[in-house]
Amino acid sequence: MHPRISVNAISSYKWTLDEDLAFYREIGCRHVGLMYSKLAEDVAGAAGKIAADGLRLSCMSTSLGQVSPVIAHREGGDAVFEALRAPIDAAHMLGCPILYFVSGPTPSRTTSDEAITALAATLKPAVAYAAERGVRLASENNSVATRFHGFVHTVRDIARLSREADIDVNLELQNCWFESDLAAQFRENIDRIGLVQVSDFILSDKIGLNRAVPGDGDMPLEWLIAKLLDAGYAKTFDIEIIGPHIDEEGYASAITRGVAWLDEVLVRLGA
């Protein structure tokens, strides 16, 4: 398995942490991304299991839940920080370098400009708290089909949020592959990209949490990866697949095929 590939626990969404760990041992995977929700009830216990297996951590996902950065900004409260405090502490305990999330819900008829400004402002205490603990925060560009829990969709806007909030970009390729001038956007924002997440998409599918195994869909995935490498990206490619195709095939088979495809591509591209 290429050292720059990690397998995200979202790819086995309904499995427990113990089931994830057993599978990683079975396939020889030693580089993984975690879900905070799978270990929140016993972070210390999870840390022990992960250390015992000698796993290297690429990232951990969390959520703002029902916390709206716009409302928090209007009211002047600490709701965003409180939503992130425990996950930051968990990432610190586990030695996980990146904690990422989508941008959260917004009230009806909120503009993206207001929402990005609000999130950047309300993130400041969490960014400082995380930095003290050796953790970088990152936000993911999510699909417009899931606007109800995230309002940042394009590379341009996620890069803007990254710079205004001093956080990293978690670049989800499935949610930006159709944008124009991507090679230039990658070059212009390569200093902000802390993680790249890889999945595929079949054009006849409905959008929104409906991903395919890398190589199975219609995205120009190899081209996207090549352009990121050309731009100087030297970090992790995290496999994050979820949805009906993955459930139907089964987690083990889908993940194993995705790893094999990405491994072959990275080797061929000289990553």
Protein backbone atom coordinates (compact mmCIF):
# COMPACT_ATOMS: atom_id res chain seq x y z
CA MET A 1 0.00 0.00 0.00
CA HIS A 2 1.46 3.34 -1.08
CA PRO A 3 2.56 5.34 2.00
CA ARG A 4 0.57 8.38 0.87
CA ILE A 5 -2.75 6.48 0.85
CA SER A 6 -4.95 6.44 3.93
CA VAL A 7 -8.30 4.72 4.41
CA ASN A 8 -10.98 6.83 6.07
CA ALA A 9 -13.31 5.18 8.57
CA ILE A 10 -16.24 6.91 6.85
CA SER A 11 -15.70 4.32 4.11
CA SER A 12 -16.93 1.70 6.58
CA TYR A 13 -19.52 4.02 8.04
CA LYS A 14 -21.66 1.47 9.88
CA TRP A 15 -18.77 -0.52 11.33
CA THR A 16 -17.53 0.05 14.85
CA LEU A 17 -13.97 1.11 15.59
CA ASP A 18 -13.14 -2.48 16.56
CA GLU A 19 -14.46 -3.74 13.22
CA ASP A 20 -12.43 -1.09 11.42
CA LEU A 21 -9.26 -2.08 13.25
CA ALA A 22 -9.76 -5.77 12.54
CA PHE A 23 -10.18 -5.00 8.84
CA TYR A 24 -7.07 -2.81 8.74
CA ARG A 25 -5.07 -5.66 10.27
CA GLU A 26 -6.50 -8.08 7.71
CA ILE A 27 -5.49 -6.02 4.68
CA GLY A 28 -2.25 -4.66 6.14
CA CYS A 29 -3.43 -1.04 6.22
CA ARG A 30 -1.39 1.11 8.60
CA HIS A 31 -2.44 4.63 7.56
CA VAL A 32 -5.99 5.63 8.43
CA GLY A 33 -8.43 8.48 8.98
CA LEU A 34 -10.74 8.33 11.98
CA MET A 35 -14.34 9.29 12.75
CA TYR A 36 -14.70 11.07 16.08
CA SER A 37 -18.18 9.62 16.53
CA LYS A 38 -16.78 6.08 16.56
CA LEU A 39 -14.47 6.75 19.50
CA ALA A 40 -16.08 9.63 21.40
CA GLU A 41 -17.39 7.45 24.24
CA ASP A 42 -13.91 6.12 25.11
CA VAL A 43 -11.15 8.19 23.58
CA ALA A 44 -8.46 6.83 25.89
CA GLY A 45 -9.46 3.26 25.11
CA ALA A 46 -9.44 3.98 21.39
CA ALA A 47 -6.03 5.59 21.66
CA GLY A 48 -4.68 2.45 23.30
CA LYS A 49 -6.06 0.17 20.61
CA ILE A 50 -4.78 2.39 17.80
CA ALA A 51 -1.32 2.60 19.36
CA ALA A 52 -1.23 -1.17 19.90
CA ASP A 53 -1.87 -1.69 16.18
CA GLY A 54 0.85 0.78 15.24
CA LEU A 55 -1.43 2.86 13.06
CA ARG A 56 -0.40 6.14 11.49
CA LEU A 57 -3.20 8.72 11.51
CA SER A 58 -3.91 11.05 8.61
CA CYS A 59 -6.96 12.88 9.91
CA MET A 60 -10.11 12.72 12.01
CA SER A 61 -13.58 13.87 11.00
CA THR A 62 -16.09 15.59 13.22
CA SER A 63 -19.21 17.74 12.82
CA LEU A 64 -20.60 21.02 14.02
CA GLY A 65 -23.93 19.21 14.34
CA GLN A 66 -26.80 21.66 14.54
CA VAL A 67 -24.53 24.57 15.44
CA SER A 68 -24.86 27.37 12.89
CA PRO A 69 -21.79 29.60 12.61
CA VAL A 70 -24.03 32.40 11.33
CA ILE A 71 -26.28 32.32 14.38
CA ALA A 72 -23.27 31.95 16.68
CA HIS A 73 -21.69 35.01 15.07
CA ARG A 74 -24.87 37.06 15.32
CA GLU A 75 -25.34 36.13 18.97
CA GLY A 76 -21.67 36.38 19.92
CA GLY A 77 -21.55 32.98 21.60
CA ASP A 78 -18.95 30.20 21.77
CA ALA A 79 -21.11 27.47 20.22
CA VAL A 80 -18.62 26.68 17.43
CA PHE A 81 -15.73 26.35 19.86
CA GLU A 82 -17.77 24.16 22.20
CA ALA A 83 -18.73 21.88 19.29
CA LEU A 84 -15.04 21.42 18.43
CA ARG A 85 -13.39 21.37 21.86
CA ALA A 86 -13.82 17.65 22.65
CA PRO A 87 -12.84 16.48 19.15
CA ILE A 88 -9.72 18.69 19.32
CA ASP A 89 -8.83 17.12 22.66
CA ALA A 90 -9.33 13.67 21.15
CA ALA A 91 -7.14 14.49 18.15
CA HIS A 92 -4.45 15.74 20.53
CA MET A 93 -4.61 12.58 22.65
CA LEU A 94 -4.42 10.37 19.57
CA GLY A 95 -1.64 12.36 17.91
CA CYS A 96 -3.86 13.04 14.91
CA PRO A 97 -2.56 16.03 12.90
CA ILE A 98 -5.77 17.20 11.17
CA LEU A 99 -9.31 17.53 12.47
CA TYR A 100 -11.77 18.33 9.70
CA PHE A 101 -15.45 19.20 9.41
CA VAL A 102 -17.93 20.68 6.97
CA SER A 103 -18.96 24.25 7.48
CA GLY A 104 -22.27 23.75 9.27
CA PRO A 105 -25.91 24.74 8.69
CA THR A 106 -27.12 28.25 7.96
CA PRO A 107 -30.45 29.99 8.47
CA SER A 108 -32.74 30.19 5.46
CA ARG A 109 -31.73 32.71 2.75
CA THR A 110 -28.24 33.27 4.17
CA THR A 111 -25.67 34.27 1.57
CA SER A 112 -22.38 32.42 1.26
CA ASP A 113 -20.46 35.65 1.88
CA GLU A 114 -22.12 36.17 5.26
CA ALA A 115 -21.72 32.51 6.19
CA ILE A 116 -17.99 32.33 5.32
CA THR A 117 -17.29 35.54 7.22
CA ALA A 118 -19.21 34.23 10.23
CA LEU A 119 -17.44 30.88 10.29
CA ALA A 120 -14.00 32.45 9.94
CA ALA A 121 -14.76 34.74 12.89
CA THR A 122 -16.30 32.11 15.15
CA LEU A 123 -13.48 29.63 14.49
CA LYS A 124 -10.77 31.84 15.99
CA PRO A 125 -10.93 30.41 19.55
CA ALA A 126 -10.97 26.84 18.24
CA VAL A 127 -8.06 27.48 15.87
CA ALA A 128 -5.96 28.86 18.73
CA TYR A 129 -6.96 26.04 21.08
CA ALA A 130 -6.11 23.42 18.46
CA ALA A 131 -2.76 25.01 17.64
CA GLU A 132 -1.75 24.85 21.30
CA ARG A 133 -2.38 21.10 21.10
CA GLY A 134 -0.57 20.47 17.83
CA VAL A 135 -3.74 19.98 15.78
CA ARG A 136 -4.60 21.72 12.50
CA LEU A 137 -8.27 22.36 11.79
CA ALA A 138 -9.54 21.89 8.25
CA SER A 139 -12.85 22.32 6.48
CA GLU A 140 -14.14 20.24 3.58
CA ASN A 141 -15.86 21.50 0.45
CA ASN A 142 -19.15 19.61 0.51
CA SER A 143 -21.75 18.97 -2.17
CA VAL A 144 -24.47 21.52 -2.92
CA ALA A 145 -26.85 18.59 -2.38
CA THR A 146 -25.88 18.65 1.32
CA ARG A 147 -26.17 22.41 1.77
CA PHE A 148 -28.18 21.70 4.91
CA HIS A 149 -24.97 20.89 6.78
CA GLY A 150 -22.32 22.79 4.85
CA PHE A 151 -22.25 25.96 2.75
CA VAL A 152 -18.76 25.89 1.17
CA HIS A 153 -18.67 24.03 -2.14
CA THR A 154 -16.08 25.37 -4.58
CA VAL A 155 -12.28 25.35 -4.49
CA ARG A 156 -12.30 29.14 -4.60
CA ASP A 157 -14.60 29.44 -1.58
CA ILE A 158 -12.91 26.74 0.52
CA ALA A 159 -9.56 28.43 -0.14
CA ARG A 160 -11.07 31.77 0.87
CA LEU A 161 -12.36 30.27 4.12
CA SER A 162 -8.98 28.65 4.72
CA ARG A 163 -7.14 31.95 4.47
CA GLU A 164 -9.67 33.99 6.46
CA ALA A 165 -9.89 31.43 9.27
CA ASP A 166 -6.26 30.20 9.16
CA ILE A 167 -7.31 26.59 8.70
CA ASP A 168 -6.41 23.94 6.14
CA VAL A 169 -8.42 22.82 3.13
CA ASN A 170 -9.68 19.26 3.10
CA LEU A 171 -10.13 18.96 -0.65
CA GLU A 172 -12.92 16.52 -1.54
CA LEU A 173 -12.39 15.81 -5.24
CA GLN A 174 -15.90 14.50 -5.85
CA ASN A 175 -17.33 17.87 -4.87
CA CYS A 176 -15.16 20.00 -7.16
CA TRP A 177 -14.08 17.88 -10.14
CA PHE A 178 -16.53 19.61 -12.51
CA GLU A 179 -15.17 23.12 -11.87
CA SER A 180 -13.18 24.87 -14.59
CA ASP A 181 -9.53 25.94 -14.38
CA LEU A 182 -8.80 23.47 -11.60
CA ALA A 183 -5.11 23.06 -12.42
CA ALA A 184 -4.60 26.79 -11.86
CA GLN A 185 -6.69 26.76 -8.70
CA PHE A 186 -4.63 23.88 -7.31
CA ARG A 187 -1.41 25.78 -8.01
CA GLU A 188 -2.72 29.01 -6.48
CA ASN A 189 -3.93 27.33 -3.29
CA ILE A 190 -1.53 24.43 -2.83
CA ASP A 191 -0.18 25.97 0.39
CA ARG A 192 -3.65 25.65 1.95
CA ILE A 193 -4.41 22.03 1.04
CA GLY A 194 -3.79 19.79 4.03
CA LEU A 195 -5.57 16.67 2.80
CA VAL A 196 -7.08 15.34 -0.44
CA GLN A 197 -10.01 12.94 -0.32
CA VAL A 198 -10.57 10.53 -3.18
CA SER A 199 -13.78 8.94 -4.42
CA ASP A 200 -15.54 8.65 -7.78
CA PHE A 201 -18.95 9.54 -9.19
CA ILE A 202 -21.21 7.91 -11.79
CA LEU A 203 -22.97 10.55 -13.86
CA SER A 204 -26.36 8.81 -13.83
CA ASP A 205 -26.44 8.88 -10.01
CA LYS A 206 -28.12 11.45 -7.80
CA ILE A 207 -25.55 13.72 -6.17
CA GLY A 208 -25.02 13.88 -2.44
CA LEU A 209 -23.30 11.13 -0.44
CA ASN A 210 -23.46 8.85 -3.47
CA ARG A 211 -19.87 7.92 -4.17
CA ALA A 212 -18.24 5.17 -6.16
CA VAL A 213 -15.00 3.25 -5.73
CA PRO A 214 -12.12 5.19 -7.32
CA GLY A 215 -11.85 4.10 -10.94
CA ASP A 216 -15.49 2.99 -11.23
CA GLY A 217 -17.02 6.33 -12.20
CA ASP A 218 -16.86 9.17 -14.70
CA MET A 219 -14.59 11.65 -12.92
CA PRO A 220 -11.16 12.40 -14.46
CA LEU A 221 -9.61 11.20 -11.22
CA GLU A 222 -6.15 10.37 -12.55
CA TRP A 223 -5.97 13.80 -14.21
CA LEU A 224 -6.99 15.52 -10.97
CA ILE A 225 -4.37 13.63 -8.98
CA ALA A 226 -1.71 14.38 -11.60
CA LYS A 227 -2.52 18.10 -11.50
CA LEU A 228 -2.30 18.13 -7.70
CA LEU A 229 1.09 16.44 -7.86
CA ASP A 230 2.22 18.90 -10.55
CA ALA A 231 1.16 21.75 -8.25
CA GLY A 232 3.43 20.37 -5.53
CA TYR A 233 0.98 18.49 -3.34
CA ALA A 234 3.09 16.14 -1.20
CA LYS A 235 0.64 14.97 1.46
CA THR A 236 -1.98 12.25 1.90
CA PHE A 237 -4.64 10.94 -0.46
CA ASP A 238 -7.46 9.74 1.79
CA ILE A 239 -10.00 7.25 0.40
CA GLU A 240 -13.45 8.31 1.59
CA ILE A 241 -16.29 6.40 -0.08
CA ILE A 242 -19.90 6.21 1.07
CA GLY A 243 -23.34 5.57 -0.35
CA PRO A 244 -25.49 2.90 -2.03
CA HIS A 245 -22.75 1.52 -4.30
CA ILE A 246 -20.45 0.97 -1.33
CA ASP A 247 -23.17 -0.57 0.83
CA GLU A 248 -24.23 -2.92 -1.96
CA GLU A 249 -20.73 -4.15 -2.73
CA GLY A 250 -19.65 -4.36 0.91
CA TYR A 251 -17.09 -2.26 2.72
CA ALA A 252 -14.22 -4.75 2.56
CA SER A 253 -14.40 -5.28 -1.20
CA ALA A 254 -15.01 -1.62 -2.06
CA ILE A 255 -12.17 -0.32 0.10
CA THR A 256 -9.73 -2.98 -1.08
CA ARG A 257 -10.46 -2.19 -4.74
CA GLY A 258 -10.15 1.54 -4.09
CA VAL A 259 -6.78 1.12 -2.42
CA ALA A 260 -5.53 -1.04 -5.31
CA TRP A 261 -6.63 1.52 -7.92
CA LEU A 262 -5.14 4.49 -6.10
CA ASP A 263 -1.92 2.62 -5.33
CA GLU A 264 -1.41 1.82 -9.01
CA VAL A 265 -2.10 5.41 -10.08
CA LEU A 266 0.24 6.98 -7.51
CA VAL A 267 3.04 4.59 -8.43
CA ARG A 268 2.56 5.26 -12.14
CA LEU A 269 2.54 9.03 -11.56
CA GLY A 270 5.72 8.81 -9.49
CA ALA A 271 4.17 10.11 -6.27
